[in-house]
Structure formats: C-alpha cells, structure tokens
Amino acid sequence: MGRIIQVPFRAIVAAATGVRVQDDRQIKGTITMVKIHWPPGCNSLVLVALGKGRTQFCPDGSGTFLALDAVTETIEFNEPITPSEQLWFEVRNTDAINPHTISALVKVVEEE
C-alpha cells in the first residue's frame, strides 16, 4: 500500500454563483474516498461535484451534482488518477440570497 494523500477543498460561494477549484498536484494512484460537508442552511440549494482532468467521478460520471443540508457525506471510490489529471471541486450555489461555504476532502492512495 502506498502513501495516503489527503487533498482538501474549500469554496466560499456567493449567492446565485458557482466556482470551480483545482488542485495542481500531480498524483498517480487511486482515489479511495471523498468526504463532502454541507453546513446547516444549505437546504439542498448548494450543488457539488468532483472530478479529475476532464472527467467527473463524484457523484458519478453522468454530470449530476449532490445537494444536501447539514450533513457530512462520505463516499468510497476505486477511481484511478494519473499525474496528467488534476483534481477539481465544483460548487454551484442556487440560493439566490445567501452565500455558502462548502468543503470536501479527497483521499488518494499513491502508487509506489
């Protein structure tokens, strides 16, 4: 088993806007877990997706987003990643009034 890398993401998203944050590390290994936190008040109005390179892998590869409230969701994966595929975190705030801060943590087991 290789070294475990934890890639944190955090986005402060203004009302009715979106943001995409990218991590520029070059990692070769396997994404094994994603943990996403929606604080209270998101009311399923804050949509989240994660990907690598040009491919979305969370919640799946279909272009869908997760939207929850007052929860930390942990999802297990077995998703390979190569150095040419930088991790990204996309957040869309459909709340027309309030900004929201969303965080995610991606766990990767690096190849030796």
N, C-alpha and C. Protein backbone atom coordinates (compact mmCIF):
# COMPACT_ATOMS: atom_id res chain seq x y z
N MET A 1 0.84 -1.18 0.00
CA MET A 1 0.00 0.00 0.00
C MET A 1 0.88 1.23 0.00
N GLY A 2 0.52 2.21 -0.84
CA GLY A 2 1.30 3.42 -0.96
C GLY A 2 0.94 4.46 0.09
N ARG A 3 1.58 5.58 -0.06
CA ARG A 3 1.35 6.71 0.84
C ARG A 3 -0.05 7.27 0.63
N ILE A 4 -0.71 7.67 1.72
CA ILE A 4 -2.04 8.27 1.64
C ILE A 4 -1.91 9.78 1.52
N ILE A 5 -2.56 10.34 0.51
CA ILE A 5 -2.57 11.78 0.29
C ILE A 5 -3.99 12.28 0.52
N GLN A 6 -4.13 13.34 1.30
CA GLN A 6 -5.43 13.96 1.52
C GLN A 6 -5.43 15.31 0.83
N VAL A 7 -6.37 15.49 -0.08
CA VAL A 7 -6.47 16.74 -0.85
C VAL A 7 -7.71 17.48 -0.36
N PRO A 8 -7.51 18.60 0.37
CA PRO A 8 -8.65 19.36 0.88
C PRO A 8 -9.12 20.42 -0.13
N PHE A 9 -10.42 20.63 -0.17
CA PHE A 9 -11.01 21.70 -0.97
C PHE A 9 -11.95 22.49 -0.08
N ARG A 10 -12.05 23.80 -0.32
CA ARG A 10 -12.99 24.66 0.39
C ARG A 10 -13.38 25.78 -0.56
N ALA A 11 -14.68 26.02 -0.65
CA ALA A 11 -15.16 27.07 -1.54
C ALA A 11 -16.18 27.93 -0.81
N ILE A 12 -15.97 29.24 -0.85
CA ILE A 12 -16.94 30.21 -0.37
C ILE A 12 -17.65 30.72 -1.61
N VAL A 13 -18.94 30.43 -1.72
CA VAL A 13 -19.67 30.70 -2.96
C VAL A 13 -20.76 31.73 -2.69
N ALA A 14 -20.69 32.84 -3.39
CA ALA A 14 -21.69 33.90 -3.25
C ALA A 14 -23.05 33.41 -3.75
N ALA A 15 -24.09 34.11 -3.35
CA ALA A 15 -25.45 33.75 -3.77
C ALA A 15 -25.54 33.72 -5.29
N ALA A 16 -26.24 32.72 -5.81
CA ALA A 16 -26.53 32.57 -7.24
C ALA A 16 -25.29 32.58 -8.12
N THR A 17 -24.20 31.97 -7.62
CA THR A 17 -22.97 31.87 -8.42
C THR A 17 -22.41 30.46 -8.28
N GLY A 18 -21.31 30.23 -8.97
CA GLY A 18 -20.63 28.96 -8.89
C GLY A 18 -19.13 29.16 -8.93
N VAL A 19 -18.40 28.14 -8.55
CA VAL A 19 -16.94 28.21 -8.57
C VAL A 19 -16.39 26.81 -8.82
N ARG A 20 -15.24 26.78 -9.46
CA ARG A 20 -14.52 25.51 -9.66
C ARG A 20 -13.10 25.72 -9.16
N VAL A 21 -12.69 24.87 -8.23
CA VAL A 21 -11.37 24.96 -7.61
C VAL A 21 -10.58 23.74 -8.06
N GLN A 22 -9.33 23.97 -8.47
CA GLN A 22 -8.49 22.86 -8.96
C GLN A 22 -7.26 22.72 -8.08
N ASP A 23 -6.84 21.49 -7.84
CA ASP A 23 -5.60 21.20 -7.13
C ASP A 23 -4.57 20.78 -8.18
N ASP A 24 -3.44 21.45 -8.21
CA ASP A 24 -2.47 21.22 -9.28
C ASP A 24 -1.42 20.14 -9.00
N ARG A 25 -1.59 19.41 -7.92
CA ARG A 25 -0.64 18.33 -7.65
C ARG A 25 -0.70 17.27 -8.74
N GLN A 26 0.42 16.66 -9.02
CA GLN A 26 0.48 15.56 -9.97
C GLN A 26 0.55 14.27 -9.17
N ILE A 27 -0.57 13.55 -9.17
CA ILE A 27 -0.70 12.35 -8.34
C ILE A 27 -0.96 11.14 -9.22
N LYS A 28 -0.28 10.05 -8.91
CA LYS A 28 -0.56 8.78 -9.56
C LYS A 28 -0.98 7.80 -8.47
N GLY A 29 -2.21 7.29 -8.59
CA GLY A 29 -2.70 6.38 -7.57
C GLY A 29 -4.17 6.08 -7.75
N THR A 30 -4.85 5.89 -6.63
CA THR A 30 -6.27 5.55 -6.64
C THR A 30 -7.02 6.42 -5.64
N ILE A 31 -8.08 7.09 -6.11
CA ILE A 31 -8.97 7.84 -5.23
C ILE A 31 -9.82 6.81 -4.51
N THR A 32 -9.75 6.82 -3.17
CA THR A 32 -10.46 5.80 -2.40
C THR A 32 -11.65 6.35 -1.63
N MET A 33 -11.68 7.67 -1.40
CA MET A 33 -12.76 8.24 -0.61
C MET A 33 -12.90 9.73 -0.87
N VAL A 34 -14.15 10.19 -0.82
CA VAL A 34 -14.45 11.62 -0.86
C VAL A 34 -15.38 11.90 0.32
N LYS A 35 -15.07 12.97 1.05
CA LYS A 35 -15.92 13.40 2.16
C LYS A 35 -16.32 14.85 1.87
N ILE A 36 -17.63 15.13 1.80
CA ILE A 36 -18.15 16.46 1.48
C ILE A 36 -19.00 16.94 2.64
N HIS A 37 -18.80 18.21 3.04
CA HIS A 37 -19.57 18.77 4.15
C HIS A 37 -20.45 19.93 3.68
N TRP A 38 -21.76 19.79 3.92
CA TRP A 38 -22.73 20.86 3.72
C TRP A 38 -23.15 21.35 5.10
N PRO A 39 -22.89 22.60 5.46
CA PRO A 39 -23.32 23.09 6.76
C PRO A 39 -24.84 23.32 6.79
N PRO A 40 -25.40 23.48 7.99
CA PRO A 40 -26.83 23.79 8.09
C PRO A 40 -27.16 25.07 7.31
N GLY A 41 -28.31 25.06 6.67
CA GLY A 41 -28.75 26.23 5.91
C GLY A 41 -28.57 26.10 4.42
N CYS A 42 -27.87 25.06 3.98
CA CYS A 42 -27.71 24.87 2.53
C CYS A 42 -29.02 24.47 1.87
N ASN A 43 -29.88 23.79 2.62
CA ASN A 43 -31.24 23.44 2.18
C ASN A 43 -31.29 22.82 0.79
N SER A 44 -30.31 22.00 0.47
CA SER A 44 -30.20 21.32 -0.82
C SER A 44 -30.14 22.30 -2.00
N LEU A 45 -29.66 23.51 -1.73
CA LEU A 45 -29.52 24.53 -2.77
C LEU A 45 -28.08 24.67 -3.27
N VAL A 46 -27.15 23.96 -2.62
CA VAL A 46 -25.74 24.05 -2.99
C VAL A 46 -25.32 22.72 -3.60
N LEU A 47 -25.00 22.75 -4.89
CA LEU A 47 -24.70 21.55 -5.66
C LEU A 47 -23.19 21.34 -5.76
N VAL A 48 -22.76 20.09 -5.60
CA VAL A 48 -21.34 19.76 -5.56
C VAL A 48 -21.03 18.59 -6.49
N ALA A 49 -19.89 18.71 -7.19
CA ALA A 49 -19.35 17.61 -7.99
C ALA A 49 -17.84 17.65 -7.88
N LEU A 50 -17.20 16.51 -8.04
CA LEU A 50 -15.74 16.43 -8.06
C LEU A 50 -15.31 15.66 -9.30
N GLY A 51 -14.11 15.98 -9.76
CA GLY A 51 -13.61 15.30 -10.94
C GLY A 51 -12.10 15.32 -10.99
N LYS A 52 -11.60 14.76 -12.09
CA LYS A 52 -10.16 14.71 -12.35
C LYS A 52 -9.97 14.94 -13.84
N GLY A 53 -9.08 15.83 -14.20
CA GLY A 53 -8.90 16.15 -15.61
C GLY A 53 -10.20 16.63 -16.22
N ARG A 54 -10.65 15.99 -17.27
CA ARG A 54 -11.92 16.35 -17.93
C ARG A 54 -13.09 15.48 -17.47
N THR A 55 -12.86 14.59 -16.50
CA THR A 55 -13.85 13.60 -16.11
C THR A 55 -14.40 13.85 -14.72
N GLN A 56 -15.72 13.92 -14.60
CA GLN A 56 -16.36 13.97 -13.30
C GLN A 56 -16.48 12.54 -12.78
N PHE A 57 -16.15 12.32 -11.50
CA PHE A 57 -16.30 10.98 -10.93
C PHE A 57 -17.23 10.97 -9.71
N CYS A 58 -17.56 12.12 -9.17
CA CYS A 58 -18.42 12.18 -7.99
C CYS A 58 -19.51 13.21 -8.19
N PRO A 59 -20.80 12.85 -8.06
CA PRO A 59 -21.25 11.58 -7.52
C PRO A 59 -21.11 10.42 -8.50
N ASP A 60 -21.10 10.68 -9.80
CA ASP A 60 -20.84 9.66 -10.81
C ASP A 60 -20.38 10.39 -12.06
N GLY A 61 -20.27 9.72 -13.16
CA GLY A 61 -19.77 10.33 -14.38
C GLY A 61 -20.83 10.91 -15.28
N SER A 62 -22.06 11.05 -14.77
CA SER A 62 -23.17 11.46 -15.63
C SER A 62 -23.41 12.97 -15.67
N GLY A 63 -22.60 13.74 -14.94
CA GLY A 63 -22.80 15.18 -14.92
C GLY A 63 -23.78 15.65 -13.86
N THR A 64 -24.21 14.73 -12.98
CA THR A 64 -25.12 15.11 -11.91
C THR A 64 -24.34 15.72 -10.74
N PHE A 65 -25.06 16.37 -9.84
CA PHE A 65 -24.47 17.00 -8.67
C PHE A 65 -25.18 16.49 -7.43
N LEU A 66 -24.48 16.56 -6.28
CA LEU A 66 -25.08 16.26 -4.99
C LEU A 66 -25.50 17.56 -4.34
N ALA A 67 -26.66 17.57 -3.67
CA ALA A 67 -27.14 18.75 -2.95
C ALA A 67 -27.82 18.28 -1.67
N LEU A 68 -27.21 18.59 -0.53
CA LEU A 68 -27.74 18.14 0.76
C LEU A 68 -27.78 19.30 1.74
N ASP A 69 -28.09 19.01 3.00
CA ASP A 69 -28.15 20.05 4.03
C ASP A 69 -27.72 19.47 5.37
N ALA A 70 -26.86 20.18 6.07
CA ALA A 70 -26.44 19.84 7.44
C ALA A 70 -25.95 18.40 7.55
N VAL A 71 -25.03 18.03 6.67
CA VAL A 71 -24.53 16.65 6.68
C VAL A 71 -23.10 16.61 6.15
N THR A 72 -22.36 15.61 6.62
CA THR A 72 -21.06 15.28 6.03
C THR A 72 -21.22 13.91 5.40
N GLU A 73 -21.11 13.87 4.09
CA GLU A 73 -21.32 12.63 3.32
C GLU A 73 -19.96 12.03 2.96
N THR A 74 -19.80 10.74 3.23
CA THR A 74 -18.58 10.02 2.87
C THR A 74 -18.92 9.00 1.80
N ILE A 75 -18.18 9.05 0.69
CA ILE A 75 -18.42 8.15 -0.44
C ILE A 75 -17.11 7.44 -0.77
N GLU A 76 -17.17 6.13 -0.88
CA GLU A 76 -15.98 5.35 -1.23
C GLU A 76 -15.86 5.19 -2.73
N PHE A 77 -14.63 5.19 -3.22
CA PHE A 77 -14.34 5.05 -4.64
C PHE A 77 -13.19 4.09 -4.85
N ASN A 78 -13.04 3.65 -6.08
CA ASN A 78 -11.87 2.91 -6.55
C ASN A 78 -11.56 3.50 -7.92
N GLU A 79 -11.14 4.78 -7.92
CA GLU A 79 -11.00 5.57 -9.14
C GLU A 79 -9.53 5.90 -9.38
N PRO A 80 -8.94 5.35 -10.44
CA PRO A 80 -7.53 5.67 -10.72
C PRO A 80 -7.35 7.13 -11.11
N ILE A 81 -6.19 7.67 -10.78
CA ILE A 81 -5.82 9.03 -11.17
C ILE A 81 -4.37 9.03 -11.64
N THR A 82 -4.10 9.78 -12.70
CA THR A 82 -2.74 9.88 -13.26
C THR A 82 -2.22 11.31 -13.06
N PRO A 83 -0.90 11.51 -13.19
CA PRO A 83 -0.35 12.84 -12.99
C PRO A 83 -0.91 13.91 -13.95
N SER A 84 -1.45 13.51 -15.07
CA SER A 84 -2.00 14.49 -16.02
C SER A 84 -3.44 14.89 -15.69
N GLU A 85 -4.02 14.28 -14.66
CA GLU A 85 -5.41 14.56 -14.29
C GLU A 85 -5.46 15.27 -12.94
N GLN A 86 -5.55 16.60 -12.95
CA GLN A 86 -5.65 17.34 -11.71
C GLN A 86 -7.06 17.22 -11.12
N LEU A 87 -7.14 17.11 -9.81
CA LEU A 87 -8.42 17.03 -9.12
C LEU A 87 -9.11 18.40 -9.13
N TRP A 88 -10.45 18.39 -9.23
CA TRP A 88 -11.22 19.64 -9.14
C TRP A 88 -12.49 19.42 -8.34
N PHE A 89 -12.99 20.56 -7.84
CA PHE A 89 -14.15 20.61 -6.95
C PHE A 89 -15.04 21.73 -7.48
N GLU A 90 -16.26 21.39 -7.90
CA GLU A 90 -17.18 22.39 -8.46
C GLU A 90 -18.38 22.56 -7.53
N VAL A 91 -18.69 23.81 -7.24
CA VAL A 91 -19.82 24.12 -6.36
C VAL A 91 -20.70 25.15 -7.07
N ARG A 92 -22.00 24.87 -7.10
CA ARG A 92 -22.98 25.79 -7.66
C ARG A 92 -23.98 26.16 -6.57
N ASN A 93 -24.05 27.44 -6.26
CA ASN A 93 -24.96 27.91 -5.22
C ASN A 93 -26.23 28.44 -5.89
N THR A 94 -27.31 27.69 -5.80
CA THR A 94 -28.57 28.13 -6.41
C THR A 94 -29.43 28.92 -5.43
N ASP A 95 -28.92 29.17 -4.24
CA ASP A 95 -29.59 30.03 -3.26
C ASP A 95 -29.44 31.47 -3.74
N ALA A 96 -30.53 32.13 -4.03
CA ALA A 96 -30.49 33.49 -4.58
C ALA A 96 -30.17 34.56 -3.54
N ILE A 97 -30.13 34.18 -2.25
CA ILE A 97 -29.95 35.18 -1.20
C ILE A 97 -28.65 35.00 -0.42
N ASN A 98 -28.33 33.77 -0.04
CA ASN A 98 -27.23 33.53 0.90
C ASN A 98 -25.98 32.93 0.27
N PRO A 99 -24.80 33.39 0.71
CA PRO A 99 -23.56 32.71 0.34
C PRO A 99 -23.42 31.44 1.19
N HIS A 100 -22.62 30.49 0.73
CA HIS A 100 -22.39 29.26 1.49
C HIS A 100 -20.93 28.85 1.35
N THR A 101 -20.41 28.19 2.39
CA THR A 101 -19.05 27.66 2.38
C THR A 101 -19.14 26.14 2.44
N ILE A 102 -18.58 25.49 1.44
CA ILE A 102 -18.64 24.04 1.32
C ILE A 102 -17.21 23.50 1.29
N SER A 103 -17.00 22.35 1.92
CA SER A 103 -15.67 21.75 1.91
C SER A 103 -15.74 20.29 1.50
N ALA A 104 -14.62 19.82 1.00
CA ALA A 104 -14.50 18.41 0.61
C ALA A 104 -13.08 17.95 0.88
N LEU A 105 -12.94 16.66 1.10
CA LEU A 105 -11.64 16.05 1.29
C LEU A 105 -11.58 14.82 0.39
N VAL A 106 -10.54 14.74 -0.43
CA VAL A 106 -10.35 13.60 -1.31
C VAL A 106 -9.14 12.80 -0.80
N LYS A 107 -9.36 11.51 -0.58
CA LYS A 107 -8.29 10.63 -0.12
C LYS A 107 -7.79 9.82 -1.31
N VAL A 108 -6.46 9.86 -1.51
CA VAL A 108 -5.83 9.14 -2.61
C VAL A 108 -4.72 8.25 -2.04
N VAL A 109 -4.69 7.00 -2.49
CA VAL A 109 -3.58 6.12 -2.15
C VAL A 109 -2.63 6.18 -3.34
N GLU A 110 -1.45 6.75 -3.09
CA GLU A 110 -0.46 6.95 -4.14
C GLU A 110 0.23 5.64 -4.48
N GLU A 111 0.49 5.46 -5.77
CA GLU A 111 1.24 4.26 -6.23
C GLU A 111 2.69 4.42 -5.85
N GLU A 112 3.28 3.31 -5.47
CA GLU A 112 4.72 3.33 -5.12
C GLU A 112 5.58 3.20 -6.33
